[in-house]
Amino acid sequence: MPIEGTGGAGLTKEQLAAEVQHVSSPDSLTTPFGGWSFFDGVPRAESVDSIYESLDLVRGIEAFLSAVPGASLVAMRRGLRSVGIDSPDKVGYTDPRANSGSLFLTPNTETTYGTTFLDLKAWGPTVIEAPPESLCVVDDFWFRYVADMGIPGPDHGAGGKYLFLPPGHAGPAPDGYFTFTSPTFTNWVVLRALGGVPAMKQTRIYPLSEADSPRETTFINIADAAQNTVHANDFTFFEEVDQLIQEEPTTALDSERAGLLASIGIVHGQPFAPDDRRKATLDKAARMGAGISRALVYQPRDPAAYVWEGSSWLNAFSGGSYEFLRDGARLLDARTQFHYFATVITPAMAHAQVGAGSAYTYTAEDAAGHVLDGGKTYSLRIPADPPAKNFWSVDVYDTQTRSLLQSTQYPAVSSLSPDIRAEDDGSHVIWFGPAAPEGKESNWIPTLAGKAWFPMVRLYGPLEPWFDGSWRLPDIELLG
């Protein structure tokens, strides 16, 4: 038989009235976007436009912060196309190494890069023959990790044939390949070979349909060809993102980010044609989003972004996750921080191993917490016995473009620099400023008066003292 229970007493009249206050909106509300007025919870006509314009602005800012990874690769592809890398069988490389002549997010000047883009829509399944003793990465068009090739990949440095399948590919994959399916048609390929350019030129890229008689791969030295591979910080940012959305299947992006972009008019299969009002709002959103991104890069508020407590030196991968995850939650700020100033997503970067890969740290402040000024002179002491199995380097970048500072062709020094001088205790003092202090030319990186700058210290083959924190960098000191 059913049992009749006894309910609780419920709320008193006074308690219910208090609850109504919690669930209600006042008739007048002051916001950062202006004053809004309501009649008993219903927006008055004179406030509706302001409310929706505010919503468009908020959504636009959030869309900027969330879509930086995709916009970055759209700009990268555009830049590479401008210097002739317009097909997957054309590989651009930087010989002898990258220099400050182009806009490119924080490249190093110590190693030679090779790069191209796969087009799985035009080519279908595509083969990459990775060279031996290489460090190669494939990321999808939303800048998500697809595969490592070479030493960190399944060929473990022996070299091998990799097959990349387009989204929605049906049917079995042939034997004899390391096979990966990408969620996007366009994929970015980054190549590095320990044997330098001759070894890199062993790479071959061709459609699977040509496996029996593959075409030759063309290599083009782009080191001295000026290009811009950095995404926009104004309304045209959203046009870059729209290009990606139109080219890729709807399955390529998670529903939350796709919905966010749709809310500002970027929808697959539909023209992105905002009216003048929305265009102006989105331009403002992009500029505000860029401002927020710069705070995340140069002054993050997550304690995990700092390498050492009480120091200004920062991690590129906050939390050490190439997917920007912590306890199942996406670190949205960390994702924007990384992609706004850096490139290449691979677990090998986020989880460097003792003696393998590389470790990175950067700062935009001196020991007093002031922004580094290109018109002043500073010093950085690299303590003795830096924990780098291979070598260490210091590269200097422009805070505006996040590209190599155009103060000289190679604004960097490293332990491989032929003239670098060590102190008596084994440490190295690196100098920064518009002019070299007398007698310090070999350890000096020029800066530009009127411009800010930031250095990145790289350890190639980081050793245990880096990981256990027993070796640490001091902050940068202002001379005088």
Protein backbone atom coordinates (compact mmCIF):
# COMPACT_ATOMS: atom_id res chain seq x y z
CA MET A 1 0.00 0.00 0.00
CA PRO A 2 1.20 3.56 -0.66
CA ILE A 3 2.38 5.38 2.41
CA GLU A 4 1.34 8.91 3.10
CA GLY A 5 4.38 10.90 4.22
CA THR A 6 4.70 14.05 6.25
CA GLY A 7 6.14 17.08 4.43
CA GLY A 8 8.27 19.85 5.80
CA ALA A 9 6.92 23.13 7.03
CA GLY A 10 8.19 25.09 3.98
CA LEU A 11 9.12 28.74 4.02
CA THR A 12 7.54 31.40 6.15
CA LYS A 13 6.05 34.43 4.43
CA GLU A 14 9.10 36.44 5.40
CA GLN A 15 11.50 33.77 4.12
CA LEU A 16 9.66 33.51 0.82
CA ALA A 17 9.81 37.29 0.43
CA ALA A 18 13.57 37.15 1.00
CA GLU A 19 13.92 34.44 -1.65
CA VAL A 20 12.02 36.61 -4.13
CA GLN A 21 14.67 39.29 -3.64
CA HIS A 22 17.40 36.79 -4.58
CA VAL A 23 15.70 35.78 -7.83
CA SER A 24 14.65 39.27 -8.90
CA SER A 25 16.35 42.05 -10.88
CA PRO A 26 16.16 45.66 -9.74
CA ASP A 27 14.35 48.21 -11.91
CA SER A 28 17.62 50.06 -12.44
CA LEU A 29 20.98 48.41 -12.98
CA THR A 30 24.34 50.13 -13.40
CA THR A 31 26.78 48.11 -15.53
CA PRO A 32 30.20 48.65 -17.18
CA PHE A 33 28.19 49.03 -20.41
CA GLY A 34 25.85 51.72 -19.13
CA GLY A 35 22.58 51.89 -17.21
CA TRP A 36 19.80 49.37 -17.88
CA SER A 37 16.19 49.83 -16.78
CA PHE A 38 13.44 47.26 -16.24
CA PHE A 39 9.77 47.24 -15.36
CA ASP A 40 9.26 44.44 -12.84
CA GLY A 41 11.97 42.30 -14.48
CA VAL A 42 11.12 43.13 -18.10
CA PRO A 43 13.73 45.23 -19.95
CA ARG A 44 12.35 48.60 -20.98
CA ALA A 45 12.48 49.33 -24.70
CA GLU A 46 15.21 51.95 -24.33
CA SER A 47 17.54 49.36 -22.74
CA VAL A 48 17.10 46.39 -25.07
CA ASP A 49 19.57 47.53 -27.73
CA SER A 50 22.19 48.32 -25.10
CA ILE A 51 21.73 44.90 -23.49
CA TYR A 52 22.21 43.05 -26.77
CA GLU A 53 25.15 45.18 -27.82
CA SER A 54 26.74 44.34 -24.47
CA LEU A 55 26.05 40.67 -25.08
CA ASP A 56 27.66 40.88 -28.52
CA LEU A 57 30.71 42.54 -26.97
CA VAL A 58 31.05 39.93 -24.22
CA ARG A 59 30.57 37.07 -26.66
CA GLY A 60 33.05 38.68 -29.06
CA ILE A 61 35.70 38.98 -26.36
CA GLU A 62 35.19 35.37 -25.30
CA ALA A 63 35.21 34.25 -28.94
CA PHE A 64 38.55 36.00 -29.44
CA LEU A 65 40.09 34.35 -26.38
CA SER A 66 38.75 30.92 -27.39
CA ALA A 67 39.59 31.09 -31.09
CA VAL A 68 43.17 32.37 -30.89
CA PRO A 69 44.55 28.86 -31.63
CA GLY A 70 42.62 28.57 -34.90
CA ALA A 71 43.24 32.15 -36.03
CA SER A 72 46.95 31.61 -35.38
CA LEU A 73 47.16 28.76 -37.89
CA VAL A 74 45.02 30.56 -40.47
CA ALA A 75 47.58 33.39 -40.30
CA MET A 76 50.45 30.91 -40.39
CA ARG A 77 49.14 29.31 -43.57
CA ARG A 78 48.55 32.71 -45.17
CA GLY A 79 52.09 33.77 -44.36
CA LEU A 80 53.62 30.59 -45.76
CA ARG A 81 51.55 30.87 -48.93
CA SER A 82 52.92 34.39 -49.42
CA VAL A 83 56.46 32.97 -49.68
CA GLY A 84 55.55 30.09 -51.97
CA ILE A 85 54.64 27.28 -49.58
CA ASP A 86 51.25 26.71 -51.17
CA SER A 87 51.07 22.92 -51.49
CA PRO A 88 51.77 20.01 -49.11
CA ASP A 89 54.66 18.87 -51.32
CA LYS A 90 56.44 22.21 -50.82
CA VAL A 91 58.35 22.52 -47.57
CA GLY A 92 59.71 25.84 -46.35
CA TYR A 93 62.85 25.74 -44.26
CA THR A 94 65.04 28.31 -42.51
CA ASP A 95 68.70 28.01 -43.41
CA PRO A 96 70.82 28.65 -41.49
CA ARG A 97 68.04 29.45 -39.00
CA ALA A 98 65.10 31.75 -38.33
CA ASN A 99 65.87 35.46 -38.16
CA SER A 100 64.08 38.65 -37.14
CA GLY A 101 62.97 39.66 -40.63
CA SER A 102 59.49 38.11 -40.38
CA LEU A 103 56.56 38.17 -38.00
CA PHE A 104 56.48 34.69 -36.47
CA LEU A 105 55.53 33.80 -32.90
CA THR A 106 58.63 33.19 -30.74
CA PRO A 107 60.81 31.07 -33.03
CA ASN A 108 64.25 30.13 -31.81
CA THR A 109 67.37 31.15 -33.72
CA GLU A 110 69.35 28.02 -32.87
CA THR A 111 67.70 25.26 -34.90
CA THR A 112 66.55 24.97 -38.51
CA TYR A 113 62.81 24.65 -39.05
CA GLY A 114 60.93 22.97 -41.87
CA THR A 115 57.21 23.53 -42.33
CA THR A 116 54.21 23.05 -44.60
CA PHE A 117 50.46 22.44 -44.45
CA LEU A 118 48.62 19.25 -45.38
CA ASP A 119 45.42 19.58 -47.41
CA LEU A 120 43.50 16.36 -46.79
CA LYS A 121 40.44 17.71 -48.63
CA ALA A 122 42.35 18.15 -51.89
CA TRP A 123 44.75 15.24 -51.52
CA GLY A 124 42.79 12.75 -49.44
CA PRO A 125 44.92 10.35 -47.35
CA THR A 126 48.44 11.74 -47.29
CA VAL A 127 51.81 10.15 -46.52
CA ILE A 128 54.73 11.80 -44.74
CA GLU A 129 58.02 9.96 -44.76
CA ALA A 130 59.74 11.33 -41.66
CA PRO A 131 63.54 11.49 -41.68
CA PRO A 132 65.57 9.59 -39.07
CA GLU A 133 66.69 11.33 -35.89
CA SER A 134 64.06 14.00 -36.27
CA LEU A 135 61.61 15.90 -34.09
CA CYS A 136 58.46 16.44 -36.13
CA VAL A 137 54.90 17.40 -35.17
CA VAL A 138 51.53 17.51 -36.90
CA ASP A 139 48.80 19.74 -35.42
CA ASP A 140 45.27 20.11 -36.75
CA PHE A 141 43.83 23.42 -37.99
CA TRP A 142 42.48 24.25 -34.53
CA PHE A 143 46.02 23.81 -33.22
CA ARG A 144 45.33 20.53 -31.49
CA TYR A 145 47.87 17.75 -31.33
CA VAL A 146 47.58 15.01 -33.96
CA ALA A 147 50.92 13.19 -33.98
CA ASP A 148 54.61 13.24 -33.21
CA MET A 149 57.00 11.82 -35.78
CA GLY A 150 60.64 10.95 -35.24
CA ILE A 151 62.27 10.56 -31.85
CA PRO A 152 59.11 11.29 -29.77
CA GLY A 153 56.89 9.41 -32.25
CA PRO A 154 56.22 5.74 -32.82
CA ASP A 155 59.26 5.35 -35.11
CA HIS A 156 61.48 6.44 -32.16
CA GLY A 157 63.89 8.23 -34.47
CA ALA A 158 64.42 5.42 -36.96
CA GLY A 159 62.35 7.22 -39.59
CA GLY A 160 59.06 5.90 -40.89
CA LYS A 161 56.02 6.34 -43.07
CA TYR A 162 53.07 8.18 -41.54
CA LEU A 163 49.58 8.18 -43.04
CA PHE A 164 47.15 10.98 -42.25
CA LEU A 165 43.48 10.36 -42.95
CA PRO A 166 40.89 13.14 -43.41
CA PRO A 167 37.86 13.53 -41.15
CA GLY A 168 35.09 11.10 -42.02
CA HIS A 169 37.41 8.73 -43.88
CA ALA A 170 35.80 5.34 -44.35
CA GLY A 171 37.46 2.02 -44.95
CA PRO A 172 40.53 0.28 -43.56
CA ALA A 173 43.96 1.86 -43.65
CA PRO A 174 46.70 0.03 -45.52
CA ASP A 175 49.46 -1.74 -43.65
CA GLY A 176 52.97 -0.36 -43.38
CA TYR A 177 52.14 3.05 -41.97
CA PHE A 178 51.78 4.78 -38.63
CA THR A 179 48.21 5.95 -39.21
CA PHE A 180 46.41 8.95 -37.69
CA THR A 181 43.00 10.45 -38.41
CA SER A 182 42.73 14.22 -38.11
CA PRO A 183 39.51 16.04 -37.18
CA THR A 184 40.39 18.75 -39.73
CA PHE A 185 41.34 18.72 -43.42
CA THR A 186 44.13 21.27 -42.98
CA ASN A 187 47.04 20.26 -40.73
CA TRP A 188 50.27 22.06 -39.87
CA VAL A 189 53.52 20.13 -40.21
CA VAL A 190 56.67 21.15 -38.34
CA LEU A 191 59.96 19.42 -39.15
CA ARG A 192 63.27 19.44 -37.33
CA ALA A 193 66.13 17.00 -37.96
CA LEU A 194 69.22 16.57 -35.82
CA GLY A 195 71.22 16.18 -39.01
CA GLY A 196 70.22 19.65 -40.18
CA VAL A 197 68.96 20.63 -43.60
CA PRO A 198 70.40 17.63 -45.51
CA ALA A 199 68.61 15.28 -43.12
CA MET A 200 65.39 17.30 -43.26
CA LYS A 201 65.43 17.06 -47.05
CA GLN A 202 64.93 13.31 -46.72
CA THR A 203 61.30 14.12 -45.86
CA ARG A 204 58.78 13.18 -48.54
CA ILE A 205 55.11 14.19 -48.63
CA TYR A 206 52.70 12.80 -51.21
CA PRO A 207 49.13 11.53 -51.63
CA LEU A 208 48.59 7.89 -50.68
CA SER A 209 47.25 7.38 -54.20
CA GLU A 210 50.83 7.97 -55.46
CA ALA A 211 52.47 5.52 -53.05
CA ASP A 212 53.76 3.31 -55.86
CA SER A 213 55.43 6.25 -57.61
CA PRO A 214 55.45 9.26 -55.27
CA ARG A 215 56.18 12.76 -56.47
CA GLU A 216 59.29 14.59 -55.35
CA THR A 217 59.05 17.04 -52.45
CA THR A 218 60.22 20.60 -53.12
CA PHE A 219 62.21 22.45 -50.46
CA ILE A 220 62.32 26.26 -50.41
CA ASN A 221 64.61 28.30 -48.15
CA ILE A 222 62.34 30.96 -46.64
CA ALA A 223 64.75 32.29 -44.01
CA ASP A 224 65.15 35.67 -45.68
CA ALA A 225 61.65 35.99 -47.18
CA ALA A 226 59.65 38.49 -45.10
CA GLN A 227 56.24 37.20 -44.11
CA ASN A 228 53.55 37.73 -41.50
CA THR A 229 52.28 34.57 -39.82
CA VAL A 230 50.65 36.32 -36.82
CA HIS A 231 46.88 36.68 -36.51
CA ALA A 232 45.09 40.02 -36.36
CA ASN A 233 44.08 41.93 -33.23
CA ASP A 234 41.17 43.82 -34.79
CA PHE A 235 37.92 42.92 -36.58
CA THR A 236 39.80 40.98 -39.25
CA PHE A 237 40.61 38.38 -36.58
CA PHE A 238 37.02 37.18 -36.90
CA GLU A 239 37.35 36.98 -40.68
CA GLU A 240 40.36 34.71 -40.13
CA VAL A 241 38.29 32.48 -37.86
CA ASP A 242 35.40 32.46 -40.33
CA GLN A 243 37.75 31.17 -43.01
CA LEU A 244 38.57 28.19 -40.80
CA ILE A 245 34.92 27.55 -39.92
CA GLN A 246 33.87 27.55 -43.58
CA GLU A 247 36.64 25.17 -44.67
CA GLU A 248 36.31 22.56 -41.97
CA PRO A 249 33.43 20.17 -41.17
CA THR A 250 31.13 21.02 -38.27
CA THR A 251 32.52 18.00 -36.43
CA ALA A 252 35.94 19.67 -36.24
CA LEU A 253 35.01 21.90 -33.29
CA ASP A 254 33.38 21.24 -29.94
CA SER A 255 29.79 22.42 -29.64
CA GLU A 256 30.53 25.07 -27.01
CA ARG A 257 33.12 26.94 -29.07
CA ALA A 258 31.07 26.44 -32.23
CA GLY A 259 28.04 27.88 -30.45
CA LEU A 260 30.06 30.82 -29.16
CA LEU A 261 31.19 31.67 -32.69
CA ALA A 262 27.67 31.16 -34.05
CA SER A 263 26.37 33.67 -31.51
CA ILE A 264 28.43 36.41 -33.22
CA GLY A 265 27.50 35.31 -36.74
CA ILE A 266 30.27 32.85 -37.66
CA VAL A 267 28.44 29.72 -38.85
CA HIS A 268 29.58 26.97 -41.20
CA GLY A 269 27.87 27.28 -44.58
CA GLN A 270 26.62 30.83 -43.97
CA PRO A 271 28.24 34.12 -44.99
CA PHE A 272 29.79 36.16 -42.21
CA ALA A 273 28.43 39.60 -42.99
CA PRO A 274 27.92 41.66 -39.82
CA ASP A 275 26.27 45.03 -40.18
CA ASP A 276 28.22 48.18 -39.31
CA ARG A 277 27.05 48.19 -35.69
CA ARG A 278 28.07 44.59 -35.02
CA LYS A 279 31.29 45.01 -36.98
CA ALA A 280 32.26 47.95 -34.77
CA THR A 281 31.35 45.93 -31.66
CA LEU A 282 33.45 42.98 -32.80
CA ASP A 283 36.37 45.26 -33.60
CA LYS A 284 36.18 46.53 -30.02
CA ALA A 285 35.87 42.95 -28.77
CA ALA A 286 39.00 41.88 -30.65
CA ARG A 287 41.01 44.79 -29.28
CA MET A 288 39.80 44.09 -25.74
CA GLY A 289 40.45 40.37 -26.20
CA ALA A 290 43.98 41.15 -27.34
CA GLY A 291 44.48 43.33 -24.26
CA ILE A 292 43.31 40.51 -22.01
CA SER A 293 45.54 38.06 -23.87
CA ARG A 294 48.54 40.29 -23.25
CA ALA A 295 47.79 40.31 -19.51
CA LEU A 296 47.59 36.50 -19.61
CA VAL A 297 50.95 36.28 -21.42
CA TYR A 298 52.97 38.85 -19.51
CA GLN A 299 51.30 38.94 -16.07
CA PRO A 300 49.25 35.75 -15.57
CA ARG A 301 47.37 35.42 -12.30
CA ASP A 302 47.51 31.61 -12.05
CA PRO A 303 50.30 30.72 -9.57
CA ALA A 304 51.03 27.64 -11.71
CA ALA A 305 52.21 29.97 -14.48
CA TYR A 306 55.33 30.83 -12.47
CA VAL A 307 58.36 28.54 -12.55
CA TRP A 308 59.68 29.50 -9.13
CA GLU A 309 57.87 31.08 -6.19
CA GLY A 310 58.78 34.73 -5.79
CA SER A 311 60.20 34.92 -9.31
CA SER A 312 58.90 36.58 -12.46
CA TRP A 313 59.97 33.68 -14.74
CA LEU A 314 56.98 32.07 -16.42
CA ASN A 315 55.93 28.70 -17.84
CA ALA A 316 54.68 28.54 -21.41
CA PHE A 317 52.50 25.53 -20.53
CA SER A 318 50.78 26.36 -17.25
CA GLY A 319 49.96 23.11 -15.50
CA GLY A 320 52.15 21.06 -17.83
CA SER A 321 49.30 19.83 -20.03
CA TYR A 322 49.45 20.08 -23.83
CA GLU A 323 45.63 19.93 -23.74
CA PHE A 324 45.47 22.64 -21.04
CA LEU A 325 43.62 20.37 -18.64
CA ARG A 326 43.68 20.25 -14.84
CA ASP A 327 41.49 17.77 -12.98
CA GLY A 328 39.26 17.46 -16.04
CA ALA A 329 38.77 21.22 -16.41
CA ARG A 330 40.02 23.19 -19.42
CA LEU A 331 42.47 25.91 -18.39
CA LEU A 332 41.04 28.59 -20.64
CA ASP A 333 43.48 31.29 -19.60
CA ALA A 334 46.45 28.95 -20.06
CA ARG A 335 45.28 28.01 -23.55
CA THR A 336 45.03 31.65 -24.59
CA GLN A 337 48.33 32.48 -22.88
CA PHE A 338 50.23 29.85 -24.85
CA HIS A 339 48.66 30.37 -28.26
CA TYR A 340 48.86 34.16 -28.14
CA PHE A 341 52.66 34.09 -28.09
CA ALA A 342 53.80 30.59 -29.11
CA THR A 343 53.32 27.78 -31.60
CA VAL A 344 53.52 23.97 -31.81
CA ILE A 345 51.42 21.70 -29.60
CA THR A 346 52.92 18.38 -28.60
CA PRO A 347 53.20 16.41 -25.35
CA ALA A 348 56.97 16.46 -25.92
CA MET A 349 56.97 20.21 -25.20
CA ALA A 350 54.56 20.19 -22.28
CA HIS A 351 56.14 17.15 -20.62
CA ALA A 352 59.86 17.46 -21.23
CA GLN A 353 61.80 14.46 -19.97
CA VAL A 354 65.17 14.45 -18.24
CA GLY A 355 67.81 14.70 -20.94
CA ALA A 356 65.30 14.91 -23.81
CA GLY A 357 63.23 17.61 -25.45
CA SER A 358 63.51 21.18 -24.26
CA ALA A 359 62.37 23.38 -21.39
CA TYR A 360 61.35 27.02 -21.71
CA THR A 361 60.88 30.01 -19.46
CA TYR A 362 60.31 33.71 -20.17
CA THR A 363 59.62 37.01 -18.43
CA ALA A 364 58.70 40.58 -19.35
CA GLU A 365 59.80 42.14 -16.03
CA ASP A 366 62.98 43.04 -14.21
CA ALA A 367 63.72 42.24 -10.56
CA ALA A 368 61.72 45.27 -9.43
CA GLY A 369 58.63 44.19 -11.38
CA HIS A 370 59.00 46.85 -14.07
CA VAL A 371 58.43 46.20 -17.78
CA LEU A 372 61.70 45.67 -19.65
CA ASP A 373 62.56 48.91 -21.48
CA GLY A 374 64.59 48.73 -24.69
CA GLY A 375 66.23 52.06 -23.94
CA LYS A 376 67.81 50.82 -20.70
CA THR A 377 70.58 48.33 -19.93
CA TYR A 378 69.98 45.10 -18.03
CA SER A 379 71.85 41.96 -17.08
CA LEU A 380 70.83 38.34 -16.55
CA ARG A 381 73.11 35.87 -14.81
CA ILE A 382 72.90 32.29 -16.06
CA PRO A 383 74.12 30.37 -13.01
CA ALA A 384 76.93 27.88 -13.38
CA ASP A 385 76.18 24.34 -14.52
CA PRO A 386 72.95 25.12 -16.38
CA PRO A 387 70.93 21.89 -16.54
CA ALA A 388 71.07 21.42 -20.30
CA LYS A 389 72.46 18.20 -21.76
CA ASN A 390 72.84 19.75 -25.20
CA PHE A 391 72.95 23.55 -24.92
CA TRP A 392 71.07 26.59 -23.63
CA SER A 393 70.01 29.79 -25.37
CA VAL A 394 68.48 33.20 -24.75
CA ASP A 395 66.35 34.78 -27.50
CA VAL A 396 64.76 38.24 -27.29
CA TYR A 397 61.30 39.08 -28.63
CA ASP A 398 59.16 42.12 -29.39
CA THR A 399 56.31 42.41 -26.87
CA GLN A 400 53.94 43.76 -29.52
CA THR A 401 54.41 41.15 -32.24
CA ARG A 402 55.75 38.33 -30.03
CA SER A 403 58.25 37.83 -32.84
CA LEU A 404 62.04 38.13 -32.76
CA LEU A 405 63.03 41.69 -31.87
CA GLN A 406 64.21 43.48 -35.00
CA SER A 407 67.26 44.99 -33.30
CA THR A 408 69.60 42.66 -35.20
CA GLN A 409 69.24 39.65 -37.48
CA TYR A 410 69.71 37.16 -34.65
CA PRO A 411 68.80 38.76 -31.28
CA ALA A 412 70.14 35.86 -29.25
CA VAL A 413 73.11 34.26 -27.52
CA SER A 414 73.65 30.65 -26.57
CA SER A 415 76.20 28.35 -25.01
CA LEU A 416 77.08 27.48 -28.62
CA SER A 417 77.96 31.09 -29.48
CA PRO A 418 81.65 31.00 -30.41
CA ASP A 419 82.65 34.17 -28.53
CA ILE A 420 80.48 33.89 -25.41
CA ARG A 421 82.45 34.46 -22.20
CA ALA A 422 81.95 32.77 -18.84
CA GLU A 423 82.63 34.31 -15.44
CA ASP A 424 85.26 32.87 -13.11
CA ASP A 425 82.58 30.93 -11.22
CA GLY A 426 81.29 29.29 -14.40
CA SER A 427 78.21 31.47 -14.72
CA HIS A 428 77.43 33.61 -17.77
CA VAL A 429 76.18 37.20 -17.59
CA ILE A 430 74.00 38.20 -20.53
CA TRP A 431 73.59 41.91 -21.27
CA PHE A 432 70.61 43.65 -22.89
CA GLY A 433 70.42 47.26 -24.01
CA PRO A 434 70.64 49.65 -26.98
CA ALA A 435 74.45 49.61 -26.71
CA ALA A 436 76.81 46.97 -25.35
CA PRO A 437 78.55 47.74 -22.06
CA GLU A 438 82.27 48.12 -22.69
CA GLY A 439 83.96 44.75 -23.03
CA LYS A 440 80.65 42.83 -22.95
CA GLU A 441 79.94 42.69 -26.69
CA SER A 442 80.19 38.89 -26.90
CA ASN A 443 77.45 38.43 -24.28
CA TRP A 444 75.19 41.27 -25.44
CA ILE A 445 71.79 41.22 -27.17
CA PRO A 446 70.77 44.63 -28.58
CA THR A 447 67.38 46.14 -27.75
CA LEU A 448 65.55 49.13 -29.21
CA ALA A 449 64.85 52.39 -27.41
CA GLY A 450 61.15 53.08 -27.18
CA LYS A 451 60.21 49.39 -27.33
CA ALA A 452 59.57 46.80 -24.66
CA TRP A 453 61.04 43.31 -25.03
CA PHE A 454 61.06 39.92 -23.38
CA PRO A 455 63.61 37.09 -23.31
CA MET A 456 63.00 33.35 -23.49
CA VAL A 457 65.55 30.98 -21.99
CA ARG A 458 65.62 27.50 -23.53
CA LEU A 459 67.34 24.42 -22.14
CA TYR A 460 67.86 21.70 -24.75
CA GLY A 461 67.93 18.33 -23.06
CA PRO A 462 66.92 19.65 -19.61
CA LEU A 463 68.48 17.81 -16.67
CA GLU A 464 67.26 16.92 -13.19
CA PRO A 465 68.19 20.24 -11.48
CA TRP A 466 65.66 21.95 -13.77
CA PHE A 467 62.88 19.59 -12.76
CA ASP A 468 63.60 19.47 -9.02
CA GLY A 469 64.07 23.25 -8.81
CA SER A 470 67.59 23.11 -7.39
CA TRP A 471 68.82 25.28 -10.27
CA ARG A 472 66.96 28.50 -10.93
CA LEU A 473 67.39 31.75 -12.81
CA PRO A 474 67.65 35.02 -10.91
CA ASP A 475 65.50 37.90 -12.07
CA ILE A 476 66.82 40.38 -14.63
CA GLU A 477 68.63 43.32 -13.08
CA LEU A 478 68.49 46.92 -14.28
CA LEU A 479 71.96 48.46 -14.58
CA GLY A 480 72.24 51.41 -12.27
